[in-house]
Amino acid sequence: LMGMNLGERFGGLGLSGPALYRAVELVAGACGSTASML
């Protein structure tokens, strides 16, 4: 999760913009504080 916004060449997940958007939505819906830190 800590590298969701980065490409695979940096060791990130390389998610597209829409996929990253949904991932952040899910974290925030569960715990806003965790999404804030992330």
Full PDB file with SEQRES, HELIX, SHEET, SSBOND, CRYST1, ORIGX, SCALE, CONECT and MASTER records, all heavy atoms in Angstrom:
SEQRES   1 A   38  LEU MET GLY MET ASN LEU GLY GLU ARG PHE GLY GLY LEU          
SEQRES   2 A   38  GLY LEU SER GLY PRO ALA LEU TYR ARG ALA VAL GLU LEU          
SEQRES   3 A   38  VAL ALA GLY ALA CYS GLY SER THR ALA SER MET LEU              
HELIX    1 AA1 GLU A    8  PHE A   10  5                                   3    
HELIX    2 AA2 GLY A   17  ALA A   30  1                                  14    
HELIX    3 AA3 GLY A   32  MET A   37  1                                   6    
CRYST1    1.000    1.000    1.000  90.00  90.00  90.00 P 1           1          
ORIGX1      1.000000  0.000000  0.000000        0.00000                         
ORIGX2      0.000000  1.000000  0.000000        0.00000                         
ORIGX3      0.000000  0.000000  1.000000        0.00000                         
SCALE1      1.000000  0.000000  0.000000        0.00000                         
SCALE2      0.000000  1.000000  0.000000        0.00000                         
SCALE3      0.000000  0.000000  1.000000        0.00000                         
ATOM      1  N   LEU A   1       0.808  -1.220   0.000  1.00  0.00           N  
ATOM      2  CA  LEU A   1       0.000   0.000   0.000  1.00  0.00           C  
ATOM      3  C   LEU A   1       0.839   1.267   0.000  1.00  0.00           C  
ATOM      4  O   LEU A   1       0.426   2.286  -0.565  1.00  0.00           O  
ATOM      5  CB  LEU A   1      -0.943   0.017   1.212  1.00  0.00           C  
ATOM      6  CG  LEU A   1      -2.332  -0.596   1.008  1.00  0.00           C  
ATOM      7  CD1 LEU A   1      -2.217  -2.098   0.803  1.00  0.00           C  
ATOM      8  CD2 LEU A   1      -3.234  -0.313   2.207  1.00  0.00           C  
ATOM      9  N   MET A   2       2.019   1.237   0.620  1.00  0.00           N  
ATOM     10  CA  MET A   2       2.812   2.456   0.743  1.00  0.00           C  
ATOM     11  C   MET A   2       3.402   2.901  -0.590  1.00  0.00           C  
ATOM     12  O   MET A   2       3.848   4.037  -0.724  1.00  0.00           O  
ATOM     13  CB  MET A   2       3.923   2.268   1.773  1.00  0.00           C  
ATOM     14  CG  MET A   2       3.434   1.815   3.149  1.00  0.00           C  
ATOM     15  SD  MET A   2       2.146   2.871   3.842  1.00  0.00           S  
ATOM     16  CE  MET A   2       3.050   4.390   4.152  1.00  0.00           C  
ATOM     17  N   GLY A   3       3.401   2.006  -1.586  1.00  0.00           N  
ATOM     18  CA  GLY A   3       3.921   2.362  -2.899  1.00  0.00           C  
ATOM     19  C   GLY A   3       2.881   2.289  -3.993  1.00  0.00           C  
ATOM     20  O   GLY A   3       3.227   2.180  -5.181  1.00  0.00           O  
ATOM     21  N   MET A   4       1.602   2.358  -3.623  1.00  0.00           N  
ATOM     22  CA  MET A   4       0.541   2.238  -4.632  1.00  0.00           C  
ATOM     23  C   MET A   4       0.608   3.322  -5.694  1.00  0.00           C  
ATOM     24  O   MET A   4       0.185   3.116  -6.835  1.00  0.00           O  
ATOM     25  CB  MET A   4      -0.837   2.280  -3.969  1.00  0.00           C  
ATOM     26  CG  MET A   4      -1.192   1.085  -3.131  1.00  0.00           C  
ATOM     27  SD  MET A   4      -2.946   1.080  -2.679  1.00  0.00           S  
ATOM     28  CE  MET A   4      -3.088   2.593  -1.696  1.00  0.00           C  
ATOM     29  N   ASN A   5       1.107   4.495  -5.330  1.00  0.00           N  
ATOM     30  CA  ASN A   5       1.116   5.630  -6.244  1.00  0.00           C  
ATOM     31  C   ASN A   5       2.333   5.662  -7.151  1.00  0.00           C  
ATOM     32  O   ASN A   5       2.446   6.542  -8.008  1.00  0.00           O  
ATOM     33  CB  ASN A   5       1.060   6.935  -5.451  1.00  0.00           C  
ATOM     34  CG  ASN A   5       2.267   7.098  -4.526  1.00  0.00           C  
ATOM     35  OD1 ASN A   5       2.672   6.139  -3.873  1.00  0.00           O  
ATOM     36  ND2 ASN A   5       2.826   8.286  -4.452  1.00  0.00           N  
ATOM     37  N   LEU A   6       3.250   4.707  -6.966  1.00  0.00           N  
ATOM     38  CA  LEU A   6       4.498   4.712  -7.724  1.00  0.00           C  
ATOM     39  C   LEU A   6       4.550   3.566  -8.724  1.00  0.00           C  
ATOM     40  O   LEU A   6       3.938   2.520  -8.525  1.00  0.00           O  
ATOM     41  CB  LEU A   6       5.688   4.615  -6.764  1.00  0.00           C  
ATOM     42  CG  LEU A   6       5.866   5.796  -5.813  1.00  0.00           C  
ATOM     43  CD1 LEU A   6       6.925   5.478  -4.774  1.00  0.00           C  
ATOM     44  CD2 LEU A   6       6.223   7.073  -6.578  1.00  0.00           C  
ATOM     45  N   GLY A   7       5.322   3.777  -9.783  1.00  0.00           N  
ATOM     46  CA  GLY A   7       5.458   2.766 -10.817  1.00  0.00           C  
ATOM     47  C   GLY A   7       6.281   1.571 -10.356  1.00  0.00           C  
ATOM     48  O   GLY A   7       7.008   1.628  -9.349  1.00  0.00           O  
ATOM     49  N   GLU A   8       6.206   0.516 -11.116  1.00  0.00           N  
ATOM     50  CA  GLU A   8       6.912  -0.719 -10.759  1.00  0.00           C  
ATOM     51  C   GLU A   8       8.426  -0.539 -10.775  1.00  0.00           C  
ATOM     52  O   GLU A   8       9.141  -1.232 -10.049  1.00  0.00           O  
ATOM     53  CB  GLU A   8       6.489  -1.839 -11.706  1.00  0.00           C  
ATOM     54  CG  GLU A   8       5.027  -2.248 -11.535  1.00  0.00           C  
ATOM     55  CD  GLU A   8       4.613  -3.347 -12.503  1.00  0.00           C  
ATOM     56  OE1 GLU A   8       5.428  -3.700 -13.389  1.00  0.00           O  
ATOM     57  OE2 GLU A   8       3.473  -3.833 -12.383  1.00  0.00           O  
ATOM     58  N   ARG A   9       8.937   0.409 -11.568  1.00  0.00           N  
ATOM     59  CA  ARG A   9      10.383   0.594 -11.612  1.00  0.00           C  
ATOM     60  C   ARG A   9      10.934   1.125 -10.293  1.00  0.00           C  
ATOM     61  O   ARG A   9      12.120   1.025 -10.019  1.00  0.00           O  
ATOM     62  CB  ARG A   9      10.772   1.519 -12.767  1.00  0.00           C  
ATOM     63  CG  ARG A   9      10.540   3.004 -12.558  1.00  0.00           C  
ATOM     64  CD  ARG A   9      11.075   3.769 -13.769  1.00  0.00           C  
ATOM     65  NE  ARG A   9      11.108   5.191 -13.582  1.00  0.00           N  
ATOM     66  CZ  ARG A   9      10.107   6.007 -13.844  1.00  0.00           C  
ATOM     67  NH1 ARG A   9       8.958   5.506 -14.284  1.00  0.00           N  
ATOM     68  NH2 ARG A   9      10.236   7.312 -13.679  1.00  0.00           N  
ATOM     69  N   PHE A  10      10.054   1.678  -9.453  1.00  0.00           N  
ATOM     70  CA  PHE A  10      10.449   2.140  -8.125  1.00  0.00           C  
ATOM     71  C   PHE A  10      10.057   1.142  -7.036  1.00  0.00           C  
ATOM     72  O   PHE A  10      10.205   1.432  -5.845  1.00  0.00           O  
ATOM     73  CB  PHE A  10       9.804   3.492  -7.811  1.00  0.00           C  
ATOM     74  CG  PHE A  10      10.248   4.604  -8.709  1.00  0.00           C  
ATOM     75  CD1 PHE A  10       9.336   5.271  -9.505  1.00  0.00           C  
ATOM     76  CD2 PHE A  10      11.580   4.983  -8.774  1.00  0.00           C  
ATOM     77  CE1 PHE A  10       9.731   6.303 -10.343  1.00  0.00           C  
ATOM     78  CE2 PHE A  10      11.990   6.014  -9.610  1.00  0.00           C  
ATOM     79  CZ  PHE A  10      11.063   6.675 -10.397  1.00  0.00           C  
ATOM     80  N   GLY A  11       9.536  -0.004  -7.438  1.00  0.00           N  
ATOM     81  CA  GLY A  11       9.093  -0.974  -6.462  1.00  0.00           C  
ATOM     82  C   GLY A  11       7.652  -0.779  -6.031  1.00  0.00           C  
ATOM     83  O   GLY A  11       7.191  -1.430  -5.091  1.00  0.00           O  
ATOM     84  N   GLY A  12       6.937   0.117  -6.721  1.00  0.00           N  
ATOM     85  CA  GLY A  12       5.535   0.350  -6.401  1.00  0.00           C  
ATOM     86  C   GLY A  12       4.620  -0.624  -7.112  1.00  0.00           C  
ATOM     87  O   GLY A  12       5.066  -1.476  -7.895  1.00  0.00           O  
ATOM     88  N   LEU A  13       3.334  -0.514  -6.842  1.00  0.00           N  
ATOM     89  CA  LEU A  13       2.362  -1.407  -7.464  1.00  0.00           C  
ATOM     90  C   LEU A  13       2.011  -0.999  -8.890  1.00  0.00           C  
ATOM     91  O   LEU A  13       1.453  -1.788  -9.645  1.00  0.00           O  
ATOM     92  CB  LEU A  13       1.080  -1.455  -6.619  1.00  0.00           C  
ATOM     93  CG  LEU A  13       1.191  -2.097  -5.238  1.00  0.00           C  
ATOM     94  CD1 LEU A  13      -0.170  -2.088  -4.547  1.00  0.00           C  
ATOM     95  CD2 LEU A  13       1.720  -3.520  -5.336  1.00  0.00           C  
ATOM     96  N   GLY A  14       2.319   0.242  -9.237  1.00  0.00           N  
ATOM     97  CA  GLY A  14       2.051   0.693 -10.599  1.00  0.00           C  
ATOM     98  C   GLY A  14       0.577   0.767 -10.933  1.00  0.00           C  
ATOM     99  O   GLY A  14       0.181   0.508 -12.076  1.00  0.00           O  
ATOM    100  N   LEU A  15      -0.252   1.123  -9.962  1.00  0.00           N  
ATOM    101  CA  LEU A  15      -1.690   1.194 -10.205  1.00  0.00           C  
ATOM    102  C   LEU A  15      -2.035   2.366 -11.124  1.00  0.00           C  
ATOM    103  O   LEU A  15      -1.404   3.428 -11.071  1.00  0.00           O  
ATOM    104  CB  LEU A  15      -2.449   1.356  -8.889  1.00  0.00           C  
ATOM    105  CG  LEU A  15      -2.378   0.215  -7.879  1.00  0.00           C  
ATOM    106  CD1 LEU A  15      -3.253   0.538  -6.669  1.00  0.00           C  
ATOM    107  CD2 LEU A  15      -2.805  -1.115  -8.503  1.00  0.00           C  
ATOM    108  N   SER A  16      -3.044   2.180 -11.928  1.00  0.00           N  
ATOM    109  CA  SER A  16      -3.568   3.282 -12.731  1.00  0.00           C  
ATOM    110  C   SER A  16      -4.271   4.282 -11.816  1.00  0.00           C  
ATOM    111  O   SER A  16      -4.569   3.985 -10.652  1.00  0.00           O  
ATOM    112  CB  SER A  16      -4.560   2.749 -13.763  1.00  0.00           C  
ATOM    113  OG  SER A  16      -5.693   2.182 -13.108  1.00  0.00           O  
ATOM    114  N   GLY A  17      -4.556   5.466 -12.376  1.00  0.00           N  
ATOM    115  CA  GLY A  17      -5.248   6.480 -11.585  1.00  0.00           C  
ATOM    116  C   GLY A  17      -6.565   6.003 -11.002  1.00  0.00           C  
ATOM    117  O   GLY A  17      -6.818   6.174  -9.804  1.00  0.00           O  
ATOM    118  N   PRO A  18      -7.443   5.372 -11.799  1.00  0.00           N  
ATOM    119  CA  PRO A  18      -8.716   4.885 -11.250  1.00  0.00           C  
ATOM    120  C   PRO A  18      -8.547   3.810 -10.178  1.00  0.00           C  
ATOM    121  O   PRO A  18      -9.277   3.794  -9.198  1.00  0.00           O  
ATOM    122  CB  PRO A  18      -9.433   4.334 -12.493  1.00  0.00           C  
ATOM    123  CG  PRO A  18      -8.877   5.123 -13.621  1.00  0.00           C  
ATOM    124  CD  PRO A  18      -7.432   5.318 -13.280  1.00  0.00           C  
ATOM    125  N   ALA A  19      -7.585   2.907 -10.360  1.00  0.00           N  
ATOM    126  CA  ALA A  19      -7.373   1.854  -9.366  1.00  0.00           C  
ATOM    127  C   ALA A  19      -6.848   2.445  -8.062  1.00  0.00           C  
ATOM    128  O   ALA A  19      -7.271   2.048  -6.957  1.00  0.00           O  
ATOM    129  CB  ALA A  19      -6.408   0.806  -9.898  1.00  0.00           C  
ATOM    130  N   LEU A  20      -5.931   3.409  -8.170  1.00  0.00           N  
ATOM    131  CA  LEU A  20      -5.420   4.068  -6.971  1.00  0.00           C  
ATOM    132  C   LEU A  20      -6.544   4.810  -6.266  1.00  0.00           C  
ATOM    133  O   LEU A  20      -6.649   4.785  -5.029  1.00  0.00           O  
ATOM    134  CB  LEU A  20      -4.301   5.033  -7.355  1.00  0.00           C  
ATOM    135  CG  LEU A  20      -3.690   5.855  -6.217  1.00  0.00           C  
ATOM    136  CD1 LEU A  20      -3.072   4.958  -5.153  1.00  0.00           C  
ATOM    137  CD2 LEU A  20      -2.645   6.833  -6.755  1.00  0.00           C  
ATOM    138  N   TYR A  21      -7.399   5.457  -7.057  1.00  0.00           N  
ATOM    139  CA  TYR A  21      -8.538   6.175  -6.471  1.00  0.00           C  
ATOM    140  C   TYR A  21      -9.408   5.231  -5.641  1.00  0.00           C  
ATOM    141  O   TYR A  21      -9.766   5.542  -4.504  1.00  0.00           O  
ATOM    142  CB  TYR A  21      -9.371   6.807  -7.600  1.00  0.00           C  
ATOM    143  CG  TYR A  21     -10.560   7.587  -7.107  1.00  0.00           C  
ATOM    144  CD1 TYR A  21     -10.435   8.922  -6.775  1.00  0.00           C  
ATOM    145  CD2 TYR A  21     -11.805   6.977  -6.939  1.00  0.00           C  
ATOM    146  CE1 TYR A  21     -11.521   9.646  -6.304  1.00  0.00           C  
ATOM    147  CE2 TYR A  21     -12.887   7.682  -6.474  1.00  0.00           C  
ATOM    148  CZ  TYR A  21     -12.743   9.015  -6.153  1.00  0.00           C  
ATOM    149  OH  TYR A  21     -13.820   9.725  -5.668  1.00  0.00           O  
ATOM    150  N   ARG A  22      -9.736   4.085  -6.193  1.00  0.00           N  
ATOM    151  CA  ARG A  22     -10.587   3.139  -5.465  1.00  0.00           C  
ATOM    152  C   ARG A  22      -9.889   2.601  -4.234  1.00  0.00           C  
ATOM    153  O   ARG A  22     -10.518   2.415  -3.177  1.00  0.00           O  
ATOM    154  CB  ARG A  22     -11.006   1.987  -6.389  1.00  0.00           C  
ATOM    155  CG  ARG A  22     -11.924   0.966  -5.726  1.00  0.00           C  
ATOM    156  CD  ARG A  22     -13.171   1.622  -5.165  1.00  0.00           C  
ATOM    157  NE  ARG A  22     -14.043   0.666  -4.490  1.00  0.00           N  
ATOM    158  CZ  ARG A  22     -14.955   0.993  -3.589  1.00  0.00           C  
ATOM    159  NH1 ARG A  22     -15.129   2.273  -3.242  1.00  0.00           N  
ATOM    160  NH2 ARG A  22     -15.714   0.068  -3.037  1.00  0.00           N  
ATOM    161  N   ALA A  23      -8.591   2.362  -4.322  1.00  0.00           N  
ATOM    162  CA  ALA A  23      -7.845   1.855  -3.168  1.00  0.00           C  
ATOM    163  C   ALA A  23      -7.877   2.852  -2.009  1.00  0.00           C  
ATOM    164  O   ALA A  23      -8.092   2.483  -0.853  1.00  0.00           O  
ATOM    165  CB  ALA A  23      -6.405   1.547  -3.568  1.00  0.00           C  
ATOM    166  N   VAL A  24      -7.673   4.136  -2.337  1.00  0.00           N  
ATOM    167  CA  VAL A  24      -7.707   5.164  -1.287  1.00  0.00           C  
ATOM    168  C   VAL A  24      -9.110   5.279  -0.713  1.00  0.00           C  
ATOM    169  O   VAL A  24      -9.287   5.450   0.498  1.00  0.00           O  
ATOM    170  CB  VAL A  24      -7.215   6.518  -1.842  1.00  0.00           C  
ATOM    171  CG1 VAL A  24      -7.421   7.631  -0.817  1.00  0.00           C  
ATOM    172  CG2 VAL A  24      -5.740   6.430  -2.215  1.00  0.00           C  
ATOM    173  N   GLU A  25     -10.127   5.181  -1.558  1.00  0.00           N  
ATOM    174  CA  GLU A  25     -11.516   5.187  -1.083  1.00  0.00           C  
ATOM    175  C   GLU A  25     -11.741   4.108  -0.028  1.00  0.00           C  
ATOM    176  O   GLU A  25     -12.362   4.350   1.014  1.00  0.00           O  
ATOM    177  CB  GLU A  25     -12.475   4.906  -2.244  1.00  0.00           C  
ATOM    178  CG  GLU A  25     -13.023   6.085  -2.954  1.00  0.00           C  
ATOM    179  CD  GLU A  25     -14.214   5.713  -3.831  1.00  0.00           C  
ATOM    180  OE1 GLU A  25     -14.232   4.601  -4.392  1.00  0.00           O  
ATOM    181  OE2 GLU A  25     -15.133   6.540  -3.948  1.00  0.00           O  
ATOM    182  N   LEU A  26     -11.265   2.909  -0.301  1.00  0.00           N  
ATOM    183  CA  LEU A  26     -11.489   1.782   0.602  1.00  0.00           C  
ATOM    184  C   LEU A  26     -10.800   1.985   1.940  1.00  0.00           C  
ATOM    185  O   LEU A  26     -11.378   1.719   3.000  1.00  0.00           O  
ATOM    186  CB  LEU A  26     -10.995   0.491  -0.057  1.00  0.00           C  
ATOM    187  CG  LEU A  26     -11.826  -0.012  -1.239  1.00  0.00           C  
ATOM    188  CD1 LEU A  26     -11.068  -1.085  -2.008  1.00  0.00           C  
ATOM    189  CD2 LEU A  26     -13.178  -0.546  -0.746  1.00  0.00           C  
ATOM    190  N   VAL A  27      -9.564   2.469   1.903  1.00  0.00           N  
ATOM    191  CA  VAL A  27      -8.842   2.729   3.153  1.00  0.00           C  
ATOM    192  C   VAL A  27      -9.557   3.807   3.959  1.00  0.00           C  
ATOM    193  O   VAL A  27      -9.766   3.675   5.166  1.00  0.00           O  
ATOM    194  CB  VAL A  27      -7.385   3.129   2.860  1.00  0.00           C  
ATOM    195  CG1 VAL A  27      -6.672   3.561   4.148  1.00  0.00           C  
ATOM    196  CG2 VAL A  27      -6.621   1.963   2.221  1.00  0.00           C  
ATOM    197  N   ALA A  28      -9.956   4.884   3.291  1.00  0.00           N  
ATOM    198  CA  ALA A  28     -10.620   5.991   3.983  1.00  0.00           C  
ATOM    199  C   ALA A  28     -11.964   5.579   4.557  1.00  0.00           C  
ATOM    200  O   ALA A  28     -12.325   5.986   5.666  1.00  0.00           O  
ATOM    201  CB  ALA A  28     -10.800   7.175   3.039  1.00  0.00           C  
ATOM    202  N   GLY A  29     -12.715   4.780   3.812  1.00  0.00           N  
ATOM    203  CA  GLY A  29     -14.014   4.339   4.308  1.00  0.00           C  
ATOM    204  C   GLY A  29     -13.902   3.487   5.548  1.00  0.00           C  
ATOM    205  O   GLY A  29     -14.823   3.448   6.370  1.00  0.00           O  
ATOM    206  N   ALA A  30     -12.753   2.824   5.701  1.00  0.00           N  
ATOM    207  CA  ALA A  30     -12.524   2.001   6.890  1.00  0.00           C  
ATOM    208  C   ALA A  30     -11.936   2.806   8.032  1.00  0.00           C  
ATOM    209  O   ALA A  30     -12.338   2.656   9.191  1.00  0.00           O  
ATOM    210  CB  ALA A  30     -11.594   0.838   6.537  1.00  0.00           C  
ATOM    211  N   CYS A  31     -10.967   3.677   7.736  1.00  0.00           N  
ATOM    212  CA  CYS A  31     -10.310   4.479   8.779  1.00  0.00           C  
ATOM    213  C   CYS A  31      -9.744   5.741   8.152  1.00  0.00           C  
ATOM    214  O   CYS A  31      -8.717   5.689   7.456  1.00  0.00           O  
ATOM    215  CB  CYS A  31      -9.204   3.680   9.465  1.00  0.00           C  
ATOM    216  SG  CYS A  31      -8.316   4.605  10.745  1.00  0.00           S  
ATOM    217  N   GLY A  32     -10.388   6.860   8.405  1.00  0.00           N  
ATOM    218  CA  GLY A  32      -9.944   8.123   7.835  1.00  0.00           C  
ATOM    219  C   GLY A  32      -8.545   8.510   8.270  1.00  0.00           C  
ATOM    220  O   GLY A  32      -7.766   9.053   7.483  1.00  0.00           O  
ATOM    221  N   SER A  33      -8.187   8.208   9.511  1.00  0.00           N  
ATOM    222  CA  SER A  33      -6.859   8.559  10.013  1.00  0.00           C  
ATOM    223  C   SER A  33      -5.768   7.823   9.248  1.00  0.00           C  
ATOM    224  O   SER A  33      -4.718   8.390   8.924  1.00  0.00           O  
ATOM    225  CB  SER A  33      -6.755   8.233  11.507  1.00  0.00           C  
ATOM    226  OG  SER A  33      -7.556   9.098  12.279  1.00  0.00           O  
ATOM    227  N   THR A  34      -6.008   6.553   8.973  1.00  0.00           N  
ATOM    228  CA  THR A  34      -5.021   5.765   8.230  1.00  0.00           C  
ATOM    229  C   THR A  34      -4.868   6.295   6.816  1.00  0.00           C  
ATOM    230  O   THR A  34      -3.754   6.392   6.284  1.00  0.00           O  
ATOM    231  CB  THR A  34      -5.418   4.283   8.209  1.00  0.00           C  
ATOM    232  OG1 THR A  34      -5.524   3.813   9.561  1.00  0.00           O  
ATOM    233  CG2 THR A  34      -4.382   3.446   7.483  1.00  0.00           C  
ATOM    234  N   ALA A  35      -5.973   6.663   6.187  1.00  0.00           N  
ATOM    235  CA  ALA A  35      -5.908   7.241   4.845  1.00  0.00           C  
ATOM    236  C   ALA A  35      -5.154   8.564   4.855  1.00  0.00           C  
ATOM    237  O   ALA A  35      -4.410   8.878   3.921  1.00  0.00           O  
ATOM    238  CB  ALA A  35      -7.315   7.437   4.289  1.00  0.00           C  
ATOM    239  N   SER A  36      -5.315   9.333   5.912  1.00  0.00           N  
ATOM    240  CA  SER A  36      -4.608  10.608   6.034  1.00  0.00           C  
ATOM    241  C   SER A  36      -3.108  10.380   6.105  1.00  0.00           C  
ATOM    242  O   SER A  36      -2.322  11.054   5.425  1.00  0.00           O  
ATOM    243  CB  SER A  36      -5.088  11.357   7.284  1.00  0.00           C  
ATOM    244  OG  SER A  36      -4.331  12.520   7.503  1.00  0.00           O  
ATOM    245  N   MET A  37      -2.678   9.440   6.935  1.00  0.00           N  
ATOM    246  CA  MET A  37      -1.266   9.107   7.041  1.00  0.00           C  
ATOM    247  C   MET A  37      -0.719   8.609   5.708  1.00  0.00           C  
ATOM    248  O   MET A  37       0.347   9.016   5.259  1.00  0.00           O  
ATOM    249  CB  MET A  37      -1.070   8.042   8.131  1.00  0.00           C  
ATOM    250  CG  MET A  37       0.365   7.578   8.342  1.00  0.00           C  
ATOM    251  SD  MET A  37       0.837   6.157   7.307  1.00  0.00           S  
ATOM    252  CE  MET A  37      -0.219   4.872   7.981  1.00  0.00           C  
ATOM    253  N   LEU A  38      -1.478   7.749   5.043  1.00  0.00           N  
ATOM    254  CA  LEU A  38      -1.048   7.156   3.786  1.00  0.00           C  
ATOM    255  C   LEU A  38      -0.907   8.201   2.690  1.00  0.00           C  
ATOM    256  O   LEU A  38       0.109   8.250   1.976  1.00  0.00           O  
ATOM    257  CB  LEU A  38      -2.055   6.084   3.368  1.00  0.00           C  
ATOM    258  CG  LEU A  38      -1.838   5.398   2.022  1.00  0.00           C  
ATOM    259  CD1 LEU A  38      -0.542   4.598   2.026  1.00  0.00           C  
ATOM    260  CD2 LEU A  38      -3.027   4.503   1.677  1.00  0.00           C  
TER     261      LEU A  38                                                      
MASTER        0    0    0    3    0    0    0    6  260    1    0    3          
END                                                                             
